[in-house]
C-alpha atoms as a PDB file:
ATOM      1  CA  MET A   1     -39.297-166.603 206.688  1.00  0.00           C
ATOM      2  CA  ASN A   2     -42.225-165.491 208.872  1.00  0.00           C
ATOM      3  CA  LEU A   3     -45.132-163.041 208.800  1.00  0.00           C
ATOM      4  CA  SER A   4     -43.276-160.539 210.992  1.00  0.00           C
ATOM      5  CA  GLN A   5     -40.549-160.261 208.362  1.00  0.00           C
ATOM      6  CA  ILE A   6     -43.152-159.835 205.614  1.00  0.00           C
ATOM      7  CA  GLU A   7     -44.793-157.077 207.658  1.00  0.00           C
ATOM      8  CA  LEU A   8     -41.400-155.422 208.135  1.00  0.00           C
ATOM      9  CA  LEU A   9     -40.888-155.240 204.358  1.00  0.00           C
ATOM     10  CA  ARG A  10     -44.251-153.493 203.979  1.00  0.00           C
ATOM     11  CA  VAL A  11     -43.553-151.017 206.786  1.00  0.00           C
ATOM     12  CA  LEU A  12     -40.138-150.195 205.331  1.00  0.00           C
ATOM     13  CA  GLN A  13     -41.661-149.443 201.942  1.00  0.00           C
ATOM     14  CA  GLU A  14     -44.319-147.195 203.476  1.00  0.00           C
ATOM     15  CA  ASN A  15     -41.626-145.258 205.366  1.00  0.00           C
ATOM     16  CA  ASP A  16     -39.160-144.654 202.506  1.00  0.00           C
ATOM     17  CA  PHE A  17     -36.898-147.527 203.644  1.00  0.00           C
ATOM     18  CA  SER A  18     -36.086-145.765 206.918  1.00  0.00           C
ATOM     19  CA  LEU A  19     -34.818-148.334 209.438  1.00  0.00           C
ATOM     20  CA  SER A  20     -35.472-146.018 212.376  1.00  0.00           C
ATOM     21  CA  LYS A  21     -39.066-145.259 211.346  1.00  0.00           C
ATOM     22  CA  ALA A  22     -39.772-148.939 210.691  1.00  0.00           C
ATOM     23  CA  ALA A  23     -38.401-149.833 214.126  1.00  0.00           C
ATOM     24  CA  GLU A  24     -40.620-147.192 215.711  1.00  0.00           C
ATOM     25  CA  LYS A  25     -43.726-148.403 213.847  1.00  0.00           C
ATOM     26  CA  MET A  26     -43.089-152.037 214.806  1.00  0.00           C
ATOM     27  CA  HIS A  27     -42.111-151.204 218.399  1.00  0.00           C
ATOM     28  CA  ILE A  28     -38.686-152.839 218.173  1.00  0.00           C
ATOM     29  CA  VAL A  29     -35.124-151.518 218.267  1.00  0.00           C
ATOM     30  CA  GLN A  30     -33.369-150.587 215.023  1.00  0.00           C
ATOM     31  CA  SER A  31     -30.759-153.321 215.410  1.00  0.00           C
ATOM     32  CA  ALA A  32     -33.593-155.898 215.423  1.00  0.00           C
ATOM     33  CA  VAL A  33     -34.859-154.499 212.118  1.00  0.00           C
ATOM     34  CA  SER A  34     -31.407-154.835 210.563  1.00  0.00           C
ATOM     35  CA  ARG A  35     -31.039-158.361 211.916  1.00  0.00           C
ATOM     36  CA  GLN A  36     -34.398-159.508 210.529  1.00  0.00           C
ATOM     37  CA  LEU A  37     -33.510-158.126 207.105  1.00  0.00           C
ATOM     38  CA  GLN A  38     -30.178-159.950 207.167  1.00  0.00           C
ATOM     39  CA  LEU A  39     -31.918-163.224 208.036  1.00  0.00           C
ATOM     40  CA  PHE A  40     -34.535-162.728 205.319  1.00  0.00           C
ATOM     41  CA  GLU A  41     -31.983-161.960 202.603  1.00  0.00           C
ATOM     42  CA  ALA A  42     -29.749-164.820 203.733  1.00  0.00           C
ATOM     43  CA  GLU A  43     -32.688-167.230 203.381  1.00  0.00           C
ATOM     44  CA  LEU A  44     -33.377-165.936 199.871  1.00  0.00           C
ATOM     45  CA  GLY A  45     -29.721-166.020 198.920  1.00  0.00           C
ATOM     46  CA  SER A  46     -29.827-162.561 197.331  1.00  0.00           C
ATOM     47  CA  PRO A  47     -30.214-158.967 198.526  1.00  0.00           C
ATOM     48  CA  ILE A  48     -33.585-157.280 198.027  1.00  0.00           C
ATOM     49  CA  TYR A  49     -32.435-153.759 198.920  1.00  0.00           C
ATOM     50  CA  GLU A  50     -29.983-151.377 197.295  1.00  0.00           C
ATOM     51  CA  ARG A  51     -27.702-149.929 199.975  1.00  0.00           C
ATOM     52  CA  GLN A  52     -25.476-146.918 200.470  1.00  0.00           C
ATOM     53  CA  GLY A  53     -23.376-147.893 203.443  1.00  0.00           C
ATOM     54  CA  LYS A  54     -25.877-149.014 206.075  1.00  0.00           C
ATOM     55  CA  LYS A  55     -28.672-146.940 204.549  1.00  0.00           C
ATOM     56  CA  LEU A  56     -31.381-148.550 202.394  1.00  0.00           C
ATOM     57  CA  ILE A  57     -31.924-146.478 199.252  1.00  0.00           C
ATOM     58  CA  GLY A  58     -34.241-148.662 197.177  1.00  0.00           C
ATOM     59  CA  LEU A  59     -35.248-152.125 196.016  1.00  0.00           C
ATOM     60  CA  THR A  60     -33.327-154.498 193.776  1.00  0.00           C
ATOM     61  CA  SER A  61     -35.151-156.094 190.815  1.00  0.00           C
ATOM     62  CA  LEU A  62     -35.758-159.115 193.055  1.00  0.00           C
ATOM     63  CA  GLY A  63     -37.027-156.806 195.796  1.00  0.00           C
ATOM     64  CA  LEU A  64     -39.507-155.176 193.445  1.00  0.00           C
ATOM     65  CA  ARG A  65     -40.938-158.561 192.490  1.00  0.00           C
ATOM     66  CA  ILE A  66     -41.103-159.700 196.115  1.00  0.00           C
ATOM     67  CA  MET A  67     -42.986-156.539 197.145  1.00  0.00           C
ATOM     68  CA  GLU A  68     -45.760-157.480 194.714  1.00  0.00           C
ATOM     69  CA  GLU A  69     -46.240-160.683 196.708  1.00  0.00           C
ATOM     70  CA  VAL A  70     -45.960-158.780 199.988  1.00  0.00           C
ATOM     71  CA  ALA A  71     -48.886-156.583 198.869  1.00  0.00           C
ATOM     72  CA  THR A  72     -50.933-159.706 198.124  1.00  0.00           C
ATOM     73  CA  ILE A  73     -50.099-161.205 201.528  1.00  0.00           C
ATOM     74  CA  ASN A  74     -50.973-157.954 203.283  1.00  0.00           C
ATOM     75  CA  LEU A  75     -54.302-157.783 201.463  1.00  0.00           C
ATOM     76  CA  ALA A  76     -55.087-161.362 202.508  1.00  0.00           C
ATOM     77  CA  LYS A  77     -54.158-160.602 206.124  1.00  0.00           C
ATOM     78  CA  ASN A  78     -56.398-157.529 206.214  1.00  0.00           C
ATOM     79  CA  ASN A  79     -59.225-159.431 204.540  1.00  0.00           C
ATOM     80  CA  ILE A  80     -58.984-162.195 207.154  1.00  0.00           C
ATOM     81  CA  GLN A  81     -59.208-159.635 209.963  1.00  0.00           C
ATOM     82  CA  THR A  82     -62.146-157.860 208.313  1.00  0.00           C
ATOM     83  CA  ILE A  83     -64.019-161.110 207.608  1.00  0.00           C
ATOM     84  CA  ALA A  84     -63.626-162.175 211.231  1.00  0.00           C
ATOM     85  CA  ALA A  85     -64.834-158.806 212.561  1.00  0.00           C
ATOM     86  CA  ASP A  86     -67.770-158.860 210.143  1.00  0.00           C
ATOM     87  CA  TYR A  87     -68.690-162.402 211.249  1.00  0.00           C
ATOM     88  CA  ILE A  88     -68.606-161.474 214.944  1.00  0.00           C
ATOM     89  CA  ASP A  89     -70.664-158.272 214.546  1.00  0.00           C
ATOM     90  CA  SER A  90     -71.603-156.839 211.150  1.00  0.00           C
ATOM     91  CA  ASN A  91     -73.164-153.767 212.783  1.00  0.00           C
ATOM     92  CA  GLN A  92     -69.931-152.416 214.249  1.00  0.00           C
ATOM     93  CA  GLY A  93     -66.877-151.000 212.516  1.00  0.00           C
ATOM     94  CA  VAL A  94     -65.290-148.026 210.781  1.00  0.00           C
ATOM     95  CA  LEU A  95     -66.035-146.798 207.274  1.00  0.00           C
ATOM     96  CA  HIS A  96     -63.421-144.585 205.612  1.00  0.00           C
ATOM     97  CA  ILE A  97     -64.832-142.604 202.684  1.00  0.00           C
ATOM     98  CA  ALA A  98     -62.487-140.743 200.349  1.00  0.00           C
ATOM     99  CA  THR A  99     -64.222-138.076 198.284  1.00  0.00           C
ATOM    100  CA  THR A 100     -64.117-134.523 196.951  1.00  0.00           C
ATOM    101  CA  HIS A 101     -65.653-131.465 198.579  1.00  0.00           C
ATOM    102  CA  THR A 102     -68.495-131.311 196.042  1.00  0.00           C
ATOM    103  CA  GLN A 103     -69.600-134.901 196.688  1.00  0.00           C
ATOM    104  CA  ALA A 104     -69.183-134.525 200.462  1.00  0.00           C
ATOM    105  CA  LYS A 105     -71.376-131.437 200.668  1.00  0.00           C
ATOM    106  CA  TYR A 106     -73.973-131.879 197.937  1.00  0.00           C
ATOM    107  CA  PHE A 107     -74.476-135.626 197.395  1.00  0.00           C
ATOM    108  CA  LEU A 108     -73.407-137.580 200.473  1.00  0.00           C
ATOM    109  CA  PRO A 109     -75.445-136.040 203.340  1.00  0.00           C
ATOM    110  CA  LYS A 110     -78.697-137.893 202.563  1.00  0.00           C
ATOM    111  CA  PRO A 111     -77.220-141.406 202.036  1.00  0.00           C
ATOM    112  CA  ILE A 112     -74.948-140.994 205.066  1.00  0.00           C
ATOM    113  CA  LEU A 113     -77.877-139.952 207.266  1.00  0.00           C
ATOM    114  CA  ARG A 114     -79.940-142.947 206.158  1.00  0.00           C
ATOM    115  CA  PHE A 115     -76.966-145.271 206.601  1.00  0.00           C
ATOM    116  CA  ARG A 116     -76.380-144.011 210.160  1.00  0.00           C
ATOM    117  CA  GLU A 117     -80.014-144.746 211.029  1.00  0.00           C
ATOM    118  CA  LYS A 118     -79.465-148.386 210.036  1.00  0.00           C
ATOM    119  CA  TYR A 119     -75.887-148.742 211.340  1.00  0.00           C
ATOM    120  CA  PRO A 120     -75.470-146.489 214.410  1.00  0.00           C
ATOM    121  CA  GLY A 121     -72.511-148.619 215.531  1.00  0.00           C
ATOM    122  CA  VAL A 122     -70.416-147.771 212.463  1.00  0.00           C
ATOM    123  CA  ARG A 123     -68.153-144.752 212.739  1.00  0.00           C
ATOM    124  CA  ILE A 124     -67.602-142.753 209.548  1.00  0.00           C
ATOM    125  CA  TYR A 125     -64.398-140.973 208.628  1.00  0.00           C
ATOM    126  CA  MET A 126     -64.475-138.753 205.556  1.00  0.00           C
ATOM    127  CA  ILE A 127     -61.302-137.808 203.690  1.00  0.00           C
ATOM    128  CA  GLU A 128     -61.535-134.891 201.244  1.00  0.00           C
ATOM    129  CA  ALA A 129     -58.811-134.705 198.614  1.00  0.00           C
ATOM    130  CA  SER A 130     -58.084-134.594 194.888  1.00  0.00           C
ATOM    131  CA  PRO A 131     -59.041-137.628 192.751  1.00  0.00           C
ATOM    132  CA  GLU A 132     -55.375-138.690 192.465  1.00  0.00           C
ATOM    133  CA  GLN A 133     -55.032-138.556 196.245  1.00  0.00           C
ATOM    134  CA  LEU A 134     -58.290-140.461 196.700  1.00  0.00           C
ATOM    135  CA  ILE A 135     -56.981-143.322 194.566  1.00  0.00           C
ATOM    136  CA  ASN A 136     -53.790-143.385 196.611  1.00  0.00           C
ATOM    137  CA  LYS A 137     -55.886-143.584 199.798  1.00  0.00           C
ATOM    138  CA  LEU A 138     -57.524-146.741 198.429  1.00  0.00           C
ATOM    139  CA  HIS A 139     -54.201-148.367 197.548  1.00  0.00           C
ATOM    140  CA  THR A 140     -52.697-147.591 200.961  1.00  0.00           C
ATOM    141  CA  ARG A 141     -55.897-148.799 202.686  1.00  0.00           C
ATOM    142  CA  LYS A 142     -56.514-145.411 204.266  1.00  0.00           C
ATOM    143  CA  ALA A 143     -59.927-145.443 202.577  1.00  0.00           C
ATOM    144  CA  ASP A 144     -62.426-148.222 201.946  1.00  0.00           C
ATOM    145  CA  ILE A 145     -64.273-146.586 199.068  1.00  0.00           C
ATOM    146  CA  ALA A 146     -63.772-143.501 196.931  1.00  0.00           C
ATOM    147  CA  ILE A 147     -66.545-141.362 195.446  1.00  0.00           C
ATOM    148  CA  CYS A 148     -65.587-138.902 192.724  1.00  0.00           C
ATOM    149  CA  THR A 149     -65.963-138.016 189.060  1.00  0.00           C
ATOM    150  CA  GLU A 150     -62.421-137.865 187.681  1.00  0.00           C
ATOM    151  CA  LYS A 151     -59.571-140.407 187.362  1.00  0.00           C
ATOM    152  CA  VAL A 152     -60.907-143.552 189.082  1.00  0.00           C
ATOM    153  CA  GLY A 153     -61.954-145.175 185.808  1.00  0.00           C
ATOM    154  CA  GLU A 154     -58.310-145.147 184.668  1.00  0.00           C
ATOM    155  CA  ASP A 155     -57.046-147.459 187.447  1.00  0.00           C
ATOM    156  CA  THR A 156     -57.230-151.152 186.536  1.00  0.00           C
ATOM    157  CA  ASP A 157     -56.774-152.235 190.165  1.00  0.00           C
ATOM    158  CA  LEU A 158     -60.142-150.784 191.103  1.00  0.00           C
ATOM    159  CA  ILE A 159     -63.705-151.968 190.796  1.00  0.00           C
ATOM    160  CA  VAL A 160     -65.647-148.946 189.552  1.00  0.00           C
ATOM    161  CA  LYS A 161     -69.434-148.603 189.737  1.00  0.00           C
ATOM    162  CA  PRO A 162     -71.263-145.756 187.981  1.00  0.00           C
ATOM    163  CA  CYS A 163     -73.286-143.795 190.523  1.00  0.00           C
ATOM    164  CA  TYR A 164     -75.087-140.847 188.932  1.00  0.00           C
ATOM    165  CA  GLU A 165     -74.864-138.469 185.995  1.00  0.00           C
ATOM    166  CA  TRP A 166     -74.886-134.694 186.363  1.00  0.00           C
ATOM    167  CA  HIS A 167     -74.395-131.482 184.394  1.00  0.00           C
ATOM    168  CA  HIS A 168     -72.631-128.173 184.859  1.00  0.00           C
ATOM    169  CA  ALA A 169     -74.338-124.821 185.282  1.00  0.00           C
ATOM    170  CA  VAL A 170     -73.186-121.235 184.997  1.00  0.00           C
ATOM    171  CA  VAL A 171     -73.853-119.021 188.026  1.00  0.00           C
ATOM    172  CA  VAL A 172     -73.945-115.221 187.884  1.00  0.00           C
ATOM    173  CA  PRO A 173     -75.406-112.358 189.937  1.00  0.00           C
ATOM    174  CA  LYS A 174     -79.007-111.512 189.054  1.00  0.00           C
ATOM    175  CA  SER A 175     -77.950-108.308 187.282  1.00  0.00           C
ATOM    176  CA  HIS A 176     -75.416-110.060 185.020  1.00  0.00           C
ATOM    177  CA  PRO A 177     -76.091-110.167 181.225  1.00  0.00           C
ATOM    178  CA  LEU A 178     -75.849-113.980 181.257  1.00  0.00           C
ATOM    179  CA  SER A 179     -78.815-114.167 183.634  1.00  0.00           C
ATOM    180  CA  GLU A 180     -81.036-113.782 180.570  1.00  0.00           C
ATOM    181  CA  GLY A 181     -81.036-114.816 176.934  1.00  0.00           C
ATOM    182  CA  GLU A 182     -79.627-117.832 175.157  1.00  0.00           C
ATOM    183  CA  ILE A 183     -76.415-119.319 176.560  1.00  0.00           C
ATOM    184  CA  SER A 184     -73.758-120.301 174.007  1.00  0.00           C
ATOM    185  CA  LEU A 185     -70.075-121.201 174.150  1.00  0.00           C
ATOM    186  CA  LYS A 186     -69.317-117.916 172.436  1.00  0.00           C
ATOM    187  CA  ARG A 187     -71.169-115.922 175.095  1.00  0.00           C
ATOM    188  CA  LEU A 188     -69.467-117.852 177.889  1.00  0.00           C
ATOM    189  CA  ALA A 189     -66.031-117.317 176.360  1.00  0.00           C
ATOM    190  CA  SER A 190     -66.529-113.559 176.322  1.00  0.00           C
ATOM    191  CA  TYR A 191     -66.398-113.365 180.140  1.00  0.00           C
ATOM    192  CA  PRO A 192     -63.734-114.206 182.750  1.00  0.00           C
ATOM    193  CA  ILE A 193     -64.442-117.724 184.076  1.00  0.00           C
ATOM    194  CA  LEU A 194     -64.232-119.072 187.625  1.00  0.00           C
ATOM    195  CA  THR A 195     -64.381-122.862 187.813  1.00  0.00           C
ATOM    196  CA  TYR A 196     -62.814-126.028 189.186  1.00  0.00           C
ATOM    197  CA  SER A 197     -59.130-126.907 189.333  1.00  0.00           C
ATOM    198  CA  PHE A 198     -57.786-129.519 186.913  1.00  0.00           C
ATOM    199  CA  GLY A 199     -58.868-133.008 187.991  1.00  0.00           C
ATOM    200  CA  PHE A 200     -61.871-131.812 190.000  1.00  0.00           C
ATOM    201  CA  THR A 201     -65.608-132.031 189.408  1.00  0.00           C
ATOM    202  CA  GLY A 202     -65.775-132.521 185.664  1.00  0.00           C
ATOM    203  CA  ARG A 203     -63.170-129.900 184.710  1.00  0.00           C
ATOM    204  CA  SER A 204     -62.034-132.193 181.872  1.00  0.00           C
ATOM    205  CA  ASN A 205     -65.530-132.033 180.345  1.00  0.00           C
ATOM    206  CA  ILE A 206     -65.486-128.241 180.476  1.00  0.00           C
ATOM    207  CA  GLU A 207     -62.218-128.341 178.522  1.00  0.00           C
ATOM    208  CA  THR A 208     -63.710-130.870 176.080  1.00  0.00           C
ATOM    209  CA  ALA A 209     -66.610-128.553 175.263  1.00  0.00           C
ATOM    210  CA  PHE A 210     -64.223-125.903 173.961  1.00  0.00           C
ATOM    211  CA  LYS A 211     -61.581-128.211 172.503  1.00  0.00           C
ATOM    212  CA  ASN A 212     -62.926-128.270 168.950  1.00  0.00           C
ATOM    213  CA  THR A 213     -63.766-124.566 168.752  1.00  0.00           C
ATOM    214  CA  ASP A 214     -61.614-121.543 168.002  1.00  0.00           C
ATOM    215  CA  MET A 215     -62.570-120.065 171.367  1.00  0.00           C
ATOM    216  CA  GLU A 216     -60.636-120.282 174.614  1.00  0.00           C
ATOM    217  CA  LEU A 217     -61.942-119.917 178.129  1.00  0.00           C
ATOM    218  CA  ASP A 218     -60.341-117.136 180.138  1.00  0.00           C
ATOM    219  CA  ILE A 219     -60.153-119.019 183.437  1.00  0.00           C
ATOM    220  CA  ILE A 220     -58.943-116.434 185.925  1.00  0.00           C
ATOM    221  CA  LEU A 221     -59.615-118.471 189.078  1.00  0.00           C
ATOM    222  CA  ALA A 222     -59.709-122.238 189.649  1.00  0.00           C
ATOM    223  CA  ALA A 223     -60.612-123.898 192.947  1.00  0.00           C
ATOM    224  CA  ALA A 224     -61.533-127.336 194.283  1.00  0.00           C
ATOM    225  CA  ASP A 225     -64.351-125.924 196.426  1.00  0.00           C
ATOM    226  CA  THR A 226     -67.641-124.808 194.840  1.00  0.00           C
ATOM    227  CA  ASP A 227     -68.322-122.384 197.690  1.00  0.00           C
ATOM    228  CA  VAL A 228     -65.047-120.589 196.921  1.00  0.00           C
ATOM    229  CA  ILE A 229     -66.103-120.205 193.276  1.00  0.00           C
ATOM    230  CA  LYS A 230     -69.503-118.795 194.286  1.00  0.00           C
ATOM    231  CA  THR A 231     -67.853-116.366 196.731  1.00  0.00           C
ATOM    232  CA  TYR A 232     -65.782-114.775 193.980  1.00  0.00           C
ATOM    233  CA  VAL A 233     -68.728-114.737 191.579  1.00  0.00           C
ATOM    234  CA  ARG A 234     -70.516-112.632 194.206  1.00  0.00           C
ATOM    235  CA  LEU A 235     -67.525-110.271 194.270  1.00  0.00           C
ATOM    236  CA  GLY A 236     -67.981-109.669 190.552  1.00  0.00           C
ATOM    237  CA  MET A 237     -64.743-111.281 189.390  1.00  0.00           C
ATOM    238  CA  GLY A 238     -66.409-113.291 186.620  1.00  0.00           C
ATOM    239  CA  VAL A 239     -68.967-115.996 185.876  1.00  0.00           C
ATOM    240  CA  GLY A 240     -68.820-119.363 187.622  1.00  0.00           C
ATOM    241  CA  ILE A 241     -69.091-122.778 186.018  1.00  0.00           C
ATOM    242  CA  ILE A 242     -70.042-125.252 188.748  1.00  0.00           C
ATOM    243  CA  ALA A 243     -71.764-128.605 189.193  1.00  0.00           C
ATOM    244  CA  GLY A 244     -75.492-128.006 188.752  1.00  0.00           C
ATOM    245  CA  MET A 245     -76.308-129.800 192.012  1.00  0.00           C
ATOM    246  CA  ALA A 246     -74.070-127.320 193.885  1.00  0.00           C
ATOM    247  CA  TYR A 247     -76.537-124.491 193.281  1.00  0.00           C
ATOM    248  CA  ASP A 248     -78.851-124.177 196.285  1.00  0.00           C
ATOM    249  CA  PRO A 249     -81.996-122.131 195.500  1.00  0.00           C
ATOM    250  CA  ALA A 250     -82.419-121.284 199.194  1.00  0.00           C
ATOM    251  CA  MET A 251     -78.815-120.361 200.005  1.00  0.00           C
ATOM    252  CA  ASP A 252     -77.955-118.861 196.605  1.00  0.00           C
ATOM    253  CA  GLN A 253     -80.966-116.582 196.103  1.00  0.00           C
ATOM    254  CA  ASP A 254     -78.666-113.736 195.049  1.00  0.00           C
ATOM    255  CA  LEU A 255     -77.332-115.816 192.142  1.00  0.00           C
ATOM    256  CA  VAL A 256     -78.915-117.111 188.948  1.00  0.00           C
ATOM    257  CA  ALA A 257     -78.036-120.622 187.693  1.00  0.00           C
ATOM    258  CA  ARG A 258     -78.314-121.453 183.992  1.00  0.00           C
ATOM    259  CA  ASP A 259     -78.151-125.048 182.779  1.00  0.00           C
ATOM    260  CA  LEU A 260     -75.213-125.941 180.510  1.00  0.00           C
ATOM    261  CA  SER A 261     -76.208-129.512 179.645  1.00  0.00           C
ATOM    262  CA  HIS A 262     -76.577-128.532 175.967  1.00  0.00           C
ATOM    263  CA  LEU A 263     -73.018-127.160 175.858  1.00  0.00           C
ATOM    264  CA  ILE A 264     -70.854-129.244 178.198  1.00  0.00           C
ATOM    265  CA  PRO A 265     -70.847-133.086 178.142  1.00  0.00           C
ATOM    266  CA  SER A 266     -72.449-134.721 181.163  1.00  0.00           C
ATOM    267  CA  SER A 267     -70.217-135.981 183.971  1.00  0.00           C
ATOM    268  CA  LYS A 268     -70.576-139.238 185.869  1.00  0.00           C
ATOM    269  CA  THR A 269     -69.776-139.699 189.523  1.00  0.00           C
ATOM    270  CA  LYS A 270     -68.398-143.149 190.351  1.00  0.00           C
ATOM    271  CA  ILE A 271     -67.877-145.399 193.358  1.00  0.00           C
ATOM    272  CA  ALA A 272     -64.535-147.213 193.487  1.00  0.00           C
ATOM    273  CA  TYR A 273     -62.828-149.753 195.726  1.00  0.00           C
ATOM    274  CA  LEU A 274     -59.909-152.152 195.442  1.00  0.00           C
ATOM    275  CA  LYS A 275     -60.316-155.444 193.609  1.00  0.00           C
ATOM    276  CA  ASN A 276     -60.033-158.507 195.887  1.00  0.00           C
ATOM    277  CA  ASN A 277     -60.658-156.267 198.898  1.00  0.00           C
ATOM    278  CA  TYR A 278     -63.268-157.776 201.233  1.00  0.00           C
ATOM    279  CA  LEU A 279     -66.026-155.269 201.936  1.00  0.00           C
ATOM    280  CA  PRO A 280     -67.857-155.674 205.261  1.00  0.00           C
ATOM    281  CA  LEU A 281     -71.619-156.025 205.076  1.00  0.00           C
ATOM    282  CA  TYR A 282     -72.139-152.439 206.288  1.00  0.00           C
ATOM    283  CA  THR A 283     -69.889-151.097 203.496  1.00  0.00           C
ATOM    284  CA  GLN A 284     -71.890-153.038 200.916  1.00  0.00           C
ATOM    285  CA  HIS A 285     -75.077-151.555 202.364  1.00  0.00           C
ATOM    286  CA  PHE A 286     -73.589-148.065 202.253  1.00  0.00           C
ATOM    287  CA  ILE A 287     -72.896-148.513 198.531  1.00  0.00           C
ATOM    288  CA  ASP A 288     -76.544-149.567 198.146  1.00  0.00           C
ATOM    289  CA  GLU A 289     -77.597-146.323 199.873  1.00  0.00           C
ATOM    290  CA  LEU A 290     -75.455-144.340 197.438  1.00  0.00           C
ATOM    291  CA  LEU A 291     -77.131-146.013 194.468  1.00  0.00           C
ATOM    292  CA  VAL A 292     -80.597-145.371 195.919  1.00  0.00           C
ATOM    293  CA  ALA A 293     -79.723-141.690 196.402  1.00  0.00           C
ATOM    294  CA  ALA A 294     -78.427-141.583 192.822  1.00  0.00           C
ATOM    295  CA  LYS A 295     -81.737-142.910 191.489  1.00  0.00           C
ATOM    296  CA  GLU A 296     -83.579-140.231 193.468  1.00  0.00           C
ATOM    297  CA  LEU A 297     -81.441-137.584 191.777  1.00  0.00           C
ATOM    298  CA  ASP A 298     -82.362-139.022 188.363  1.00  0.00           C
ATOM    299  CA  LEU A 299     -86.073-138.862 189.273  1.00  0.00           C
ATOM    300  CA  HIS A 300     -85.732-135.169 189.935  1.00  0.00           C
END
């Protein structure tokens, strides 16, 4: 048994047990992949793959257990490489941030700008996706940290840090009836609603607000992108429920925003990363910048 064989098991799993894809990824011929698997299974004395002819179709019960250890070994290998790179030069590297559109546009610009001033040698790659996809990016090491509101607190393999609390707002054209007067759930429910897709930007809290009432929201359009919601509000399709921070007084002068903190529970944006995953010094400092920016939001 050697590290190359362990790496092969990981690559096979990431490529749906395709021998040809694994061979391509590891820059070896397919017959070498098959040979290494034969040697590995012979050493163990039991097969770890279910087969259909020569094709691998899944893992045996032993294979499933072994892949848990393979994940641990792979984490240790990556940590060793990251620790060494951090020791040699903690001002150089790559930071992969997985987040949603709302966080990327309305919260992250200031902390990223300040971080870049301190760490000009660190390249930043931002991945925008749904919360479920963001969590998957962490587990597959395609992201170092995730920043979002939904889902991350449900994953026990993650370290989750609360970042900042925020509220929803309703946005309407200036001539709309909801631009004036008291806002209530009943008034909101009497209009077509444009808001976030399930799993995005506190949508679950919007649902919670109406859960114990006899009223239902008529959600006629749902989107992951706040700017899309505001576009269709401007077209007169309905009223928008968005994150309060996504209303820009300068850019959205044609719209009126009304606070909904008294009607919809507050939402909390969180920072998440894998347990036992070594974070380079610059990543730790980036998290510090996020927390500083969060405190500034609270002050306002």
